[in-house]
Amino acid sequence: MSTSATLEPMAEMMDEMAESLPTTIDRVVLTGFMGSGKTTTGRLLAEQLGWNFRDLDSEVERREGRTVPQIFAESGEAEFRRLESAALASLLGQRRLVLALGGGAPEVLGNRLLLEQTPRTAVVYLQAPLETLVERCERAAETGETERPLLGEAETRLRRRHPLYDRLADHKVTTTALDVEQVCEAVLVKLRG
């Protein structure tokens, strides 16, 4: 059996998944606190849909040639937020995109307005209790997967951000007891509505 014959059913399945979304959706934006699974879920969701995936923090790092912690340390949070907003505006021009926002992106009014006013954009809030989020972040930090410099302020930040995530979201998915495949399926169910 040829490789192309083997890949054809996979390509057809991915096309069907993408086509199963309402035609009114060109991009899916995942929001939520650090540790909610935005990046992990976003990668798998994009793969399942046959769409592109972008992580907003990674996009800022790519554009700046510095890590997010370096930008915070060298230039401050205000400069990071300016860079983040510019990257967001650029990315929202793309179609067939799954985008994982940085946890603090919705704190910027301009970012919320961009997300609300960009047509054909579905915002999904991935939520979990604080204890779960902190546990996930600590586990990721222990394995060296990620740096979480703001973890010590997690409760205060989550309390401030939760209402913003909640208002911005078209859909909400609680990720507490779900693995990434189950989260993706829950997101797809919400989007198909």
N, C-alpha and C. Protein backbone atom coordinates (compact mmCIF):
# COMPACT_ATOMS: atom_id res chain seq x y z
N MET A 1 0.85 -1.18 0.00
CA MET A 1 0.00 0.00 0.00
C MET A 1 0.89 1.24 0.00
N SER A 2 0.57 2.19 -0.83
CA SER A 2 1.40 3.40 -0.93
C SER A 2 1.14 4.32 0.26
N THR A 3 2.13 5.19 0.51
CA THR A 3 2.01 6.15 1.60
C THR A 3 0.84 7.08 1.38
N SER A 4 0.65 7.51 0.13
CA SER A 4 -0.45 8.44 -0.14
C SER A 4 -1.80 7.77 0.11
N ALA A 5 -1.91 6.47 -0.19
CA ALA A 5 -3.16 5.76 0.08
C ALA A 5 -3.42 5.66 1.57
N THR A 6 -2.35 5.52 2.34
CA THR A 6 -2.48 5.44 3.80
C THR A 6 -2.88 6.79 4.38
N LEU A 7 -2.38 7.86 3.81
CA LEU A 7 -2.64 9.19 4.34
C LEU A 7 -4.00 9.75 3.93
N GLU A 8 -4.57 9.22 2.83
CA GLU A 8 -5.83 9.76 2.34
C GLU A 8 -6.95 9.69 3.38
N PRO A 9 -7.16 8.53 4.06
CA PRO A 9 -8.23 8.52 5.07
C PRO A 9 -7.98 9.53 6.19
N MET A 10 -6.73 9.72 6.59
CA MET A 10 -6.40 10.69 7.64
C MET A 10 -6.75 12.10 7.17
N ALA A 11 -6.38 12.43 5.96
CA ALA A 11 -6.67 13.76 5.41
C ALA A 11 -8.17 13.98 5.31
N GLU A 12 -8.90 12.94 4.89
CA GLU A 12 -10.36 13.06 4.80
C GLU A 12 -10.98 13.28 6.17
N MET A 13 -10.47 12.55 7.17
CA MET A 13 -10.99 12.69 8.52
C MET A 13 -10.74 14.11 9.05
N MET A 14 -9.54 14.65 8.79
CA MET A 14 -9.22 16.00 9.26
C MET A 14 -10.10 17.03 8.56
N ASP A 15 -10.32 16.85 7.26
CA ASP A 15 -11.21 17.76 6.53
C ASP A 15 -12.62 17.70 7.11
N GLU A 16 -13.09 16.49 7.43
CA GLU A 16 -14.43 16.34 8.01
C GLU A 16 -14.52 17.05 9.35
N MET A 17 -13.45 16.94 10.18
CA MET A 17 -13.47 17.60 11.49
C MET A 17 -13.54 19.11 11.31
N ALA A 18 -12.72 19.65 10.40
CA ALA A 18 -12.73 21.09 10.18
C ALA A 18 -14.07 21.53 9.61
N GLU A 19 -14.61 20.71 8.70
CA GLU A 19 -15.89 21.06 8.09
C GLU A 19 -17.04 20.94 9.09
N SER A 20 -16.82 20.15 10.16
CA SER A 20 -17.90 19.96 11.13
C SER A 20 -18.07 21.19 12.02
N LEU A 21 -17.12 22.11 11.99
CA LEU A 21 -17.29 23.36 12.73
C LEU A 21 -18.24 24.25 11.94
N PRO A 22 -18.97 25.08 12.63
CA PRO A 22 -19.83 26.02 11.91
C PRO A 22 -19.00 26.87 10.94
N THR A 23 -19.56 27.19 9.81
CA THR A 23 -18.84 27.99 8.81
C THR A 23 -18.60 29.41 9.30
N THR A 24 -19.20 29.76 10.41
CA THR A 24 -19.01 31.10 10.97
C THR A 24 -17.75 31.20 11.81
N ILE A 25 -16.99 30.12 11.94
CA ILE A 25 -15.77 30.13 12.76
C ILE A 25 -14.54 29.95 11.88
N ASP A 26 -13.67 30.96 11.90
CA ASP A 26 -12.39 30.90 11.18
C ASP A 26 -11.21 30.75 12.13
N ARG A 27 -11.44 31.08 13.39
CA ARG A 27 -10.35 30.96 14.38
C ARG A 27 -10.93 30.63 15.73
N VAL A 28 -10.16 29.83 16.47
CA VAL A 28 -10.53 29.45 17.83
C VAL A 28 -9.44 29.99 18.75
N VAL A 29 -9.85 30.77 19.74
CA VAL A 29 -8.91 31.36 20.69
C VAL A 29 -9.16 30.73 22.05
N LEU A 30 -8.11 30.16 22.63
CA LEU A 30 -8.20 29.55 23.95
C LEU A 30 -7.67 30.53 24.98
N THR A 31 -8.47 30.78 26.00
CA THR A 31 -8.06 31.67 27.07
C THR A 31 -8.20 30.94 28.39
N GLY A 32 -7.56 31.47 29.41
CA GLY A 32 -7.60 30.86 30.73
C GLY A 32 -6.30 31.14 31.46
N PHE A 33 -6.26 30.73 32.70
CA PHE A 33 -5.11 30.99 33.54
C PHE A 33 -3.97 30.04 33.19
N MET A 34 -2.75 30.40 33.62
CA MET A 34 -1.62 29.50 33.40
C MET A 34 -1.95 28.14 34.02
N GLY A 35 -1.61 27.09 33.29
CA GLY A 35 -1.88 25.75 33.76
C GLY A 35 -3.23 25.21 33.33
N SER A 36 -4.03 26.01 32.63
CA SER A 36 -5.36 25.54 32.22
C SER A 36 -5.29 24.60 31.02
N GLY A 37 -4.17 24.57 30.32
CA GLY A 37 -4.00 23.66 29.19
C GLY A 37 -4.17 24.30 27.83
N LYS A 38 -4.05 25.62 27.77
CA LYS A 38 -4.28 26.33 26.50
C LYS A 38 -3.33 25.85 25.39
N THR A 39 -2.05 25.78 25.69
CA THR A 39 -1.07 25.42 24.66
C THR A 39 -1.18 23.95 24.27
N THR A 40 -1.25 23.08 25.25
CA THR A 40 -1.34 21.64 24.97
C THR A 40 -2.61 21.32 24.21
N THR A 41 -3.72 21.87 24.68
CA THR A 41 -5.00 21.65 24.01
C THR A 41 -4.99 22.28 22.62
N GLY A 42 -4.45 23.49 22.53
CA GLY A 42 -4.42 24.19 21.25
C GLY A 42 -3.67 23.43 20.18
N ARG A 43 -2.53 22.86 20.55
CA ARG A 43 -1.75 22.09 19.57
C ARG A 43 -2.55 20.91 19.03
N LEU A 44 -3.15 20.16 19.94
CA LEU A 44 -3.92 18.98 19.52
C LEU A 44 -5.16 19.38 18.74
N LEU A 45 -5.85 20.40 19.20
CA LEU A 45 -7.05 20.86 18.50
C LEU A 45 -6.72 21.29 17.07
N ALA A 46 -5.64 22.05 16.92
CA ALA A 46 -5.23 22.48 15.58
C ALA A 46 -4.88 21.28 14.70
N GLU A 47 -4.19 20.33 15.28
CA GLU A 47 -3.83 19.12 14.53
C GLU A 47 -5.10 18.39 14.09
N GLN A 48 -6.06 18.25 15.00
CA GLN A 48 -7.30 17.55 14.66
C GLN A 48 -8.10 18.28 13.58
N LEU A 49 -8.05 19.59 13.60
CA LEU A 49 -8.79 20.38 12.62
C LEU A 49 -8.03 20.56 11.31
N GLY A 50 -6.72 20.31 11.34
CA GLY A 50 -5.90 20.59 10.17
C GLY A 50 -5.65 22.08 10.01
N TRP A 51 -5.68 22.81 11.13
CA TRP A 51 -5.47 24.25 11.15
C TRP A 51 -4.08 24.56 11.68
N ASN A 52 -3.69 25.83 11.61
CA ASN A 52 -2.43 26.28 12.19
C ASN A 52 -2.62 26.52 13.68
N PHE A 53 -1.54 26.36 14.43
CA PHE A 53 -1.56 26.65 15.86
C PHE A 53 -0.51 27.71 16.16
N ARG A 54 -0.88 28.66 17.00
CA ARG A 54 0.07 29.66 17.50
C ARG A 54 -0.18 29.86 18.99
N ASP A 55 0.90 30.02 19.71
CA ASP A 55 0.87 30.37 21.13
C ASP A 55 1.31 31.83 21.20
N LEU A 56 0.51 32.68 21.80
CA LEU A 56 0.79 34.12 21.79
C LEU A 56 2.12 34.45 22.46
N ASP A 57 2.40 33.84 23.60
CA ASP A 57 3.68 34.10 24.27
C ASP A 57 4.85 33.67 23.38
N SER A 58 4.74 32.52 22.75
CA SER A 58 5.81 32.04 21.86
C SER A 58 5.99 32.97 20.66
N GLU A 59 4.88 33.51 20.18
CA GLU A 59 4.95 34.45 19.05
C GLU A 59 5.70 35.72 19.45
N VAL A 60 5.42 36.23 20.65
CA VAL A 60 6.14 37.41 21.15
C VAL A 60 7.63 37.08 21.28
N GLU A 61 7.94 35.92 21.84
CA GLU A 61 9.34 35.51 21.99
C GLU A 61 10.04 35.42 20.63
N ARG A 62 9.35 34.83 19.66
CA ARG A 62 9.93 34.69 18.32
C ARG A 62 10.22 36.05 17.70
N ARG A 63 9.28 36.97 17.82
CA ARG A 63 9.44 38.30 17.25
C ARG A 63 10.55 39.10 17.94
N GLU A 64 10.67 38.91 19.25
CA GLU A 64 11.61 39.72 20.04
C GLU A 64 12.98 39.08 20.22
N GLY A 65 13.08 37.77 20.00
CA GLY A 65 14.35 37.08 20.23
C GLY A 65 14.72 37.00 21.70
N ARG A 66 13.72 37.10 22.58
CA ARG A 66 13.92 37.00 24.02
C ARG A 66 12.76 36.21 24.61
N THR A 67 12.99 35.61 25.78
CA THR A 67 11.91 34.89 26.45
C THR A 67 11.00 35.89 27.15
N VAL A 68 9.80 35.43 27.50
CA VAL A 68 8.87 36.28 28.24
C VAL A 68 9.50 36.75 29.54
N PRO A 69 10.12 35.85 30.36
CA PRO A 69 10.76 36.35 31.59
C PRO A 69 11.85 37.40 31.33
N GLN A 70 12.60 37.25 30.22
CA GLN A 70 13.62 38.25 29.88
C GLN A 70 12.97 39.59 29.54
N ILE A 71 11.88 39.55 28.79
CA ILE A 71 11.19 40.79 28.42
C ILE A 71 10.69 41.49 29.68
N PHE A 72 10.06 40.71 30.59
CA PHE A 72 9.58 41.29 31.85
C PHE A 72 10.74 41.93 32.62
N ALA A 73 11.85 41.20 32.72
CA ALA A 73 12.99 41.67 33.53
C ALA A 73 13.69 42.88 32.90
N GLU A 74 13.85 42.86 31.57
CA GLU A 74 14.61 43.90 30.89
C GLU A 74 13.77 45.12 30.50
N SER A 75 12.50 44.88 30.20
CA SER A 75 11.68 45.96 29.65
C SER A 75 10.42 46.26 30.45
N GLY A 76 10.03 45.36 31.34
CA GLY A 76 8.86 45.58 32.17
C GLY A 76 7.59 45.00 31.59
N GLU A 77 6.58 44.86 32.44
CA GLU A 77 5.32 44.27 32.02
C GLU A 77 4.60 45.13 30.99
N ALA A 78 4.65 46.45 31.14
CA ALA A 78 3.94 47.33 30.20
C ALA A 78 4.46 47.12 28.77
N GLU A 79 5.77 47.00 28.61
CA GLU A 79 6.33 46.77 27.28
C GLU A 79 5.94 45.39 26.76
N PHE A 80 5.97 44.39 27.65
CA PHE A 80 5.54 43.05 27.22
C PHE A 80 4.11 43.10 26.73
N ARG A 81 3.23 43.77 27.45
CA ARG A 81 1.81 43.84 27.05
C ARG A 81 1.65 44.55 25.71
N ARG A 82 2.46 45.57 25.46
CA ARG A 82 2.42 46.26 24.16
C ARG A 82 2.81 45.29 23.04
N LEU A 83 3.87 44.54 23.25
CA LEU A 83 4.33 43.57 22.26
C LEU A 83 3.30 42.46 22.05
N GLU A 84 2.70 42.04 23.15
CA GLU A 84 1.66 41.00 23.09
C GLU A 84 0.46 41.48 22.27
N SER A 85 0.05 42.72 22.49
CA SER A 85 -1.09 43.28 21.76
C SER A 85 -0.81 43.37 20.26
N ALA A 86 0.41 43.76 19.92
CA ALA A 86 0.79 43.83 18.49
C ALA A 86 0.77 42.45 17.86
N ALA A 87 1.29 41.46 18.57
CA ALA A 87 1.30 40.09 18.04
C ALA A 87 -0.14 39.57 17.90
N LEU A 88 -0.98 39.86 18.88
CA LEU A 88 -2.38 39.42 18.82
C LEU A 88 -3.09 40.01 17.62
N ALA A 89 -2.93 41.31 17.40
CA ALA A 89 -3.58 41.97 16.26
C ALA A 89 -3.15 41.32 14.94
N SER A 90 -1.88 41.00 14.84
CA SER A 90 -1.37 40.36 13.63
C SER A 90 -1.95 38.95 13.45
N LEU A 91 -1.94 38.17 14.51
CA LEU A 91 -2.41 36.79 14.42
C LEU A 91 -3.90 36.70 14.13
N LEU A 92 -4.68 37.63 14.63
CA LEU A 92 -6.13 37.58 14.39
C LEU A 92 -6.49 37.83 12.94
N GLY A 93 -5.53 38.21 12.13
CA GLY A 93 -5.76 38.36 10.70
C GLY A 93 -5.70 37.03 9.96
N GLN A 94 -5.26 35.97 10.63
CA GLN A 94 -5.13 34.67 10.00
C GLN A 94 -6.43 33.88 10.13
N ARG A 95 -6.68 33.02 9.13
CA ARG A 95 -7.84 32.13 9.16
C ARG A 95 -7.35 30.71 9.44
N ARG A 96 -8.30 29.86 9.84
CA ARG A 96 -7.99 28.46 10.17
C ARG A 96 -6.85 28.41 11.19
N LEU A 97 -7.08 29.13 12.28
CA LEU A 97 -6.08 29.30 13.33
C LEU A 97 -6.65 28.93 14.69
N VAL A 98 -5.86 28.16 15.44
CA VAL A 98 -6.12 27.95 16.86
C VAL A 98 -5.04 28.73 17.59
N LEU A 99 -5.46 29.64 18.47
CA LEU A 99 -4.54 30.53 19.17
C LEU A 99 -4.67 30.37 20.67
N ALA A 100 -3.54 30.10 21.34
CA ALA A 100 -3.50 30.05 22.80
C ALA A 100 -3.04 31.41 23.29
N LEU A 101 -3.92 32.11 24.00
CA LEU A 101 -3.55 33.42 24.56
C LEU A 101 -2.65 33.24 25.76
N GLY A 102 -1.87 34.25 26.07
CA GLY A 102 -1.19 34.30 27.35
C GLY A 102 -2.23 34.56 28.43
N GLY A 103 -1.98 34.07 29.63
CA GLY A 103 -2.96 34.21 30.71
C GLY A 103 -3.35 35.64 31.02
N GLY A 104 -2.42 36.59 30.83
CA GLY A 104 -2.71 37.98 31.15
C GLY A 104 -3.22 38.81 30.00
N ALA A 105 -3.26 38.26 28.80
CA ALA A 105 -3.68 39.03 27.62
C ALA A 105 -5.06 39.68 27.79
N PRO A 106 -6.04 38.99 28.38
CA PRO A 106 -7.35 39.64 28.53
C PRO A 106 -7.40 40.80 29.52
N GLU A 107 -6.33 41.01 30.27
CA GLU A 107 -6.32 42.15 31.19
C GLU A 107 -6.20 43.48 30.43
N VAL A 108 -5.75 43.43 29.21
CA VAL A 108 -5.58 44.63 28.39
C VAL A 108 -6.88 44.88 27.63
N LEU A 109 -7.50 46.02 27.88
CA LEU A 109 -8.77 46.34 27.25
C LEU A 109 -8.69 46.23 25.73
N GLY A 110 -7.63 46.73 25.13
CA GLY A 110 -7.48 46.67 23.68
C GLY A 110 -7.49 45.24 23.16
N ASN A 111 -6.92 44.31 23.91
CA ASN A 111 -6.93 42.90 23.51
C ASN A 111 -8.35 42.34 23.56
N ARG A 112 -9.07 42.68 24.62
CA ARG A 112 -10.45 42.19 24.73
C ARG A 112 -11.30 42.73 23.58
N LEU A 113 -11.12 44.01 23.27
CA LEU A 113 -11.88 44.60 22.17
C LEU A 113 -11.54 43.94 20.84
N LEU A 114 -10.25 43.69 20.62
CA LEU A 114 -9.83 43.00 19.39
C LEU A 114 -10.52 41.64 19.27
N LEU A 115 -10.51 40.88 20.36
CA LEU A 115 -11.11 39.55 20.34
C LEU A 115 -12.62 39.62 20.13
N GLU A 116 -13.27 40.58 20.78
CA GLU A 116 -14.72 40.72 20.66
C GLU A 116 -15.13 41.20 19.27
N GLN A 117 -14.28 42.01 18.63
CA GLN A 117 -14.66 42.64 17.38
C GLN A 117 -14.11 41.94 16.14
N THR A 118 -13.29 40.91 16.33
CA THR A 118 -12.78 40.18 15.17
C THR A 118 -13.83 39.15 14.77
N PRO A 119 -14.43 39.32 13.60
CA PRO A 119 -15.49 38.41 13.18
C PRO A 119 -14.98 36.98 13.05
N ARG A 120 -15.90 36.06 13.20
CA ARG A 120 -15.63 34.64 12.95
C ARG A 120 -14.59 34.07 13.92
N THR A 121 -14.57 34.61 15.14
CA THR A 121 -13.63 34.18 16.17
C THR A 121 -14.40 33.63 17.35
N ALA A 122 -14.10 32.40 17.73
CA ALA A 122 -14.73 31.78 18.90
C ALA A 122 -13.71 31.74 20.03
N VAL A 123 -14.06 32.31 21.18
CA VAL A 123 -13.18 32.33 22.35
C VAL A 123 -13.67 31.27 23.33
N VAL A 124 -12.76 30.37 23.72
CA VAL A 124 -13.08 29.29 24.65
C VAL A 124 -12.25 29.46 25.91
N TYR A 125 -12.92 29.53 27.04
CA TYR A 125 -12.28 29.67 28.35
C TYR A 125 -12.06 28.27 28.93
N LEU A 126 -10.79 27.87 29.06
CA LEU A 126 -10.44 26.61 29.71
C LEU A 126 -10.25 26.92 31.19
N GLN A 127 -11.08 26.33 32.03
CA GLN A 127 -11.06 26.69 33.44
C GLN A 127 -10.84 25.46 34.32
N ALA A 128 -10.26 25.72 35.49
CA ALA A 128 -10.03 24.70 36.51
C ALA A 128 -9.86 25.42 37.85
N PRO A 129 -10.05 24.71 38.95
CA PRO A 129 -9.84 25.34 40.26
C PRO A 129 -8.38 25.75 40.44
N LEU A 130 -8.16 26.75 41.28
CA LEU A 130 -6.81 27.26 41.53
C LEU A 130 -5.84 26.16 41.93
N GLU A 131 -6.26 25.25 42.81
CA GLU A 131 -5.36 24.19 43.29
C GLU A 131 -4.87 23.34 42.11
N THR A 132 -5.76 23.03 41.19
CA THR A 132 -5.40 22.24 40.01
C THR A 132 -4.42 23.01 39.13
N LEU A 133 -4.68 24.28 38.91
CA LEU A 133 -3.82 25.11 38.07
C LEU A 133 -2.42 25.21 38.67
N VAL A 134 -2.34 25.45 39.97
CA VAL A 134 -1.04 25.57 40.64
C VAL A 134 -0.28 24.25 40.56
N GLU A 135 -0.99 23.15 40.81
CA GLU A 135 -0.36 21.83 40.75
C GLU A 135 0.22 21.56 39.36
N ARG A 136 -0.54 21.89 38.32
CA ARG A 136 -0.06 21.69 36.94
C ARG A 136 1.17 22.55 36.66
N CYS A 137 1.14 23.79 37.11
CA CYS A 137 2.28 24.69 36.88
C CYS A 137 3.52 24.21 37.63
N GLU A 138 3.33 23.76 38.86
CA GLU A 138 4.47 23.26 39.63
C GLU A 138 5.06 22.01 38.97
N ARG A 139 4.19 21.14 38.48
CA ARG A 139 4.65 19.93 37.80
C ARG A 139 5.43 20.29 36.53
N ALA A 140 4.94 21.26 35.77
CA ALA A 140 5.63 21.69 34.55
C ALA A 140 6.97 22.33 34.88
N ALA A 141 7.01 23.10 35.96
CA ALA A 141 8.26 23.76 36.36
C ALA A 141 9.30 22.72 36.80
N GLU A 142 8.83 21.68 37.51
CA GLU A 142 9.74 20.63 37.97
C GLU A 142 10.36 19.88 36.81
N THR A 143 9.61 19.67 35.74
CA THR A 143 10.11 18.93 34.59
C THR A 143 10.87 19.85 33.63
N GLY A 144 10.92 21.14 33.94
CA GLY A 144 11.63 22.08 33.10
C GLY A 144 10.87 22.48 31.86
N GLU A 145 9.58 22.12 31.78
CA GLU A 145 8.78 22.44 30.60
C GLU A 145 8.58 23.94 30.42
N THR A 146 8.48 24.65 31.54
CA THR A 146 8.14 26.07 31.45
C THR A 146 8.60 26.82 32.69
N GLU A 147 8.79 28.10 32.52
CA GLU A 147 9.07 28.99 33.65
C GLU A 147 7.78 29.70 34.02
N ARG A 148 7.45 29.75 35.30
CA ARG A 148 6.24 30.42 35.76
C ARG A 148 6.62 31.44 36.83
N PRO A 149 7.16 32.59 36.42
CA PRO A 149 7.64 33.56 37.41
C PRO A 149 6.55 34.18 38.27
N LEU A 150 5.31 34.13 37.85
CA LEU A 150 4.23 34.81 38.58
C LEU A 150 3.39 33.85 39.41
N LEU A 151 3.86 32.61 39.59
CA LEU A 151 3.08 31.60 40.30
C LEU A 151 2.76 32.02 41.72
N GLY A 152 3.67 32.73 42.39
CA GLY A 152 3.45 33.15 43.77
C GLY A 152 2.25 34.07 43.93
N GLU A 153 1.86 34.75 42.88
CA GLU A 153 0.73 35.68 42.92
C GLU A 153 -0.51 35.07 42.26
N ALA A 154 -0.53 33.75 42.15
CA ALA A 154 -1.57 33.08 41.37
C ALA A 154 -2.99 33.39 41.85
N GLU A 155 -3.23 33.31 43.13
CA GLU A 155 -4.59 33.49 43.63
C GLU A 155 -5.11 34.90 43.33
N THR A 156 -4.28 35.89 43.59
CA THR A 156 -4.67 37.28 43.32
C THR A 156 -4.93 37.49 41.84
N ARG A 157 -4.04 36.97 41.01
CA ARG A 157 -4.19 37.15 39.56
C ARG A 157 -5.43 36.43 39.03
N LEU A 158 -5.64 35.20 39.49
CA LEU A 158 -6.81 34.47 39.03
C LEU A 158 -8.10 35.17 39.44
N ARG A 159 -8.15 35.67 40.66
CA ARG A 159 -9.34 36.40 41.13
C ARG A 159 -9.61 37.61 40.24
N ARG A 160 -8.56 38.30 39.81
CA ARG A 160 -8.71 39.48 38.97
C ARG A 160 -9.08 39.09 37.53
N ARG A 161 -8.50 38.00 37.04
CA ARG A 161 -8.68 37.63 35.63
C ARG A 161 -9.94 36.82 35.36
N HIS A 162 -10.39 36.03 36.32
CA HIS A 162 -11.54 35.15 36.07
C HIS A 162 -12.73 35.89 35.46
N PRO A 163 -13.16 37.04 36.02
CA PRO A 163 -14.30 37.73 35.41
C PRO A 163 -14.03 38.16 33.96
N LEU A 164 -12.78 38.48 33.65
CA LEU A 164 -12.43 38.88 32.28
C LEU A 164 -12.53 37.68 31.34
N TYR A 165 -11.96 36.54 31.76
CA TYR A 165 -12.06 35.32 30.95
C TYR A 165 -13.53 34.97 30.73
N ASP A 166 -14.29 35.04 31.81
CA ASP A 166 -15.69 34.65 31.79
C ASP A 166 -16.50 35.50 30.81
N ARG A 167 -16.31 36.82 30.87
CA ARG A 167 -17.05 37.73 29.98
C ARG A 167 -16.63 37.58 28.52
N LEU A 168 -15.35 37.32 28.31
CA LEU A 168 -14.81 37.24 26.95
C LEU A 168 -15.23 35.96 26.23
N ALA A 169 -15.49 34.91 27.01
CA ALA A 169 -15.71 33.58 26.44
C ALA A 169 -17.05 33.43 25.75
N ASP A 170 -16.98 32.81 24.58
CA ASP A 170 -18.19 32.35 23.91
C ASP A 170 -18.59 30.99 24.46
N HIS A 171 -17.59 30.23 24.92
CA HIS A 171 -17.79 28.89 25.46
C HIS A 171 -16.83 28.68 26.63
N LYS A 172 -17.23 27.79 27.56
CA LYS A 172 -16.38 27.46 28.71
C LYS A 172 -16.26 25.95 28.82
N VAL A 173 -15.04 25.49 29.11
CA VAL A 173 -14.79 24.07 29.31
C VAL A 173 -13.98 23.91 30.59
N THR A 174 -14.50 23.11 31.52
CA THR A 174 -13.78 22.82 32.75
C THR A 174 -12.86 21.64 32.47
N THR A 175 -11.56 21.85 32.72
CA THR A 175 -10.54 20.86 32.34
C THR A 175 -10.07 19.99 33.49
N THR A 176 -10.62 20.18 34.67
CA THR A 176 -10.09 19.58 35.91
C THR A 176 -9.77 18.09 35.79
N ALA A 177 -10.73 17.26 35.45
CA ALA A 177 -10.53 15.81 35.47
C ALA A 177 -10.36 15.24 34.06
N LEU A 178 -10.04 16.08 33.09
CA LEU A 178 -9.97 15.63 31.71
C LEU A 178 -8.53 15.57 31.22
N ASP A 179 -8.24 14.58 30.34
CA ASP A 179 -6.95 14.60 29.67
C ASP A 179 -7.09 15.47 28.42
N VAL A 180 -6.00 15.70 27.74
CA VAL A 180 -6.01 16.66 26.63
C VAL A 180 -6.96 16.23 25.50
N GLU A 181 -7.04 14.95 25.23
CA GLU A 181 -7.96 14.48 24.20
C GLU A 181 -9.41 14.77 24.57
N GLN A 182 -9.74 14.58 25.86
CA GLN A 182 -11.09 14.86 26.33
C GLN A 182 -11.40 16.35 26.30
N VAL A 183 -10.40 17.18 26.62
CA VAL A 183 -10.60 18.63 26.55
C VAL A 183 -10.87 19.03 25.11
N CYS A 184 -10.08 18.51 24.17
CA CYS A 184 -10.31 18.84 22.75
C CYS A 184 -11.70 18.44 22.31
N GLU A 185 -12.13 17.25 22.70
CA GLU A 185 -13.47 16.80 22.33
C GLU A 185 -14.53 17.72 22.93
N ALA A 186 -14.34 18.12 24.19
CA ALA A 186 -15.30 19.03 24.84
C ALA A 186 -15.34 20.38 24.12
N VAL A 187 -14.18 20.87 23.70
CA VAL A 187 -14.13 22.13 22.96
C VAL A 187 -14.89 21.99 21.64
N LEU A 188 -14.64 20.90 20.92
CA LEU A 188 -15.31 20.68 19.64
C LEU A 188 -16.83 20.59 19.81
N VAL A 189 -17.27 19.91 20.86
CA VAL A 189 -18.71 19.81 21.13
C VAL A 189 -19.30 21.20 21.35
N LYS A 190 -18.61 22.02 22.13
CA LYS A 190 -19.09 23.39 22.39
C LYS A 190 -19.14 24.20 21.09
N LEU A 191 -18.09 24.08 20.27
CA LEU A 191 -18.03 24.86 19.04
C LEU A 191 -19.09 24.44 18.04
N ARG A 192 -19.39 23.16 18.01
CA ARG A 192 -20.41 22.66 17.08
C ARG A 192 -21.81 23.03 17.55
N GLY A 193 -21.91 23.31 18.87
CA GLY A 193 -23.09 23.81 19.55
C GLY A 193 -24.39 23.29 19.18
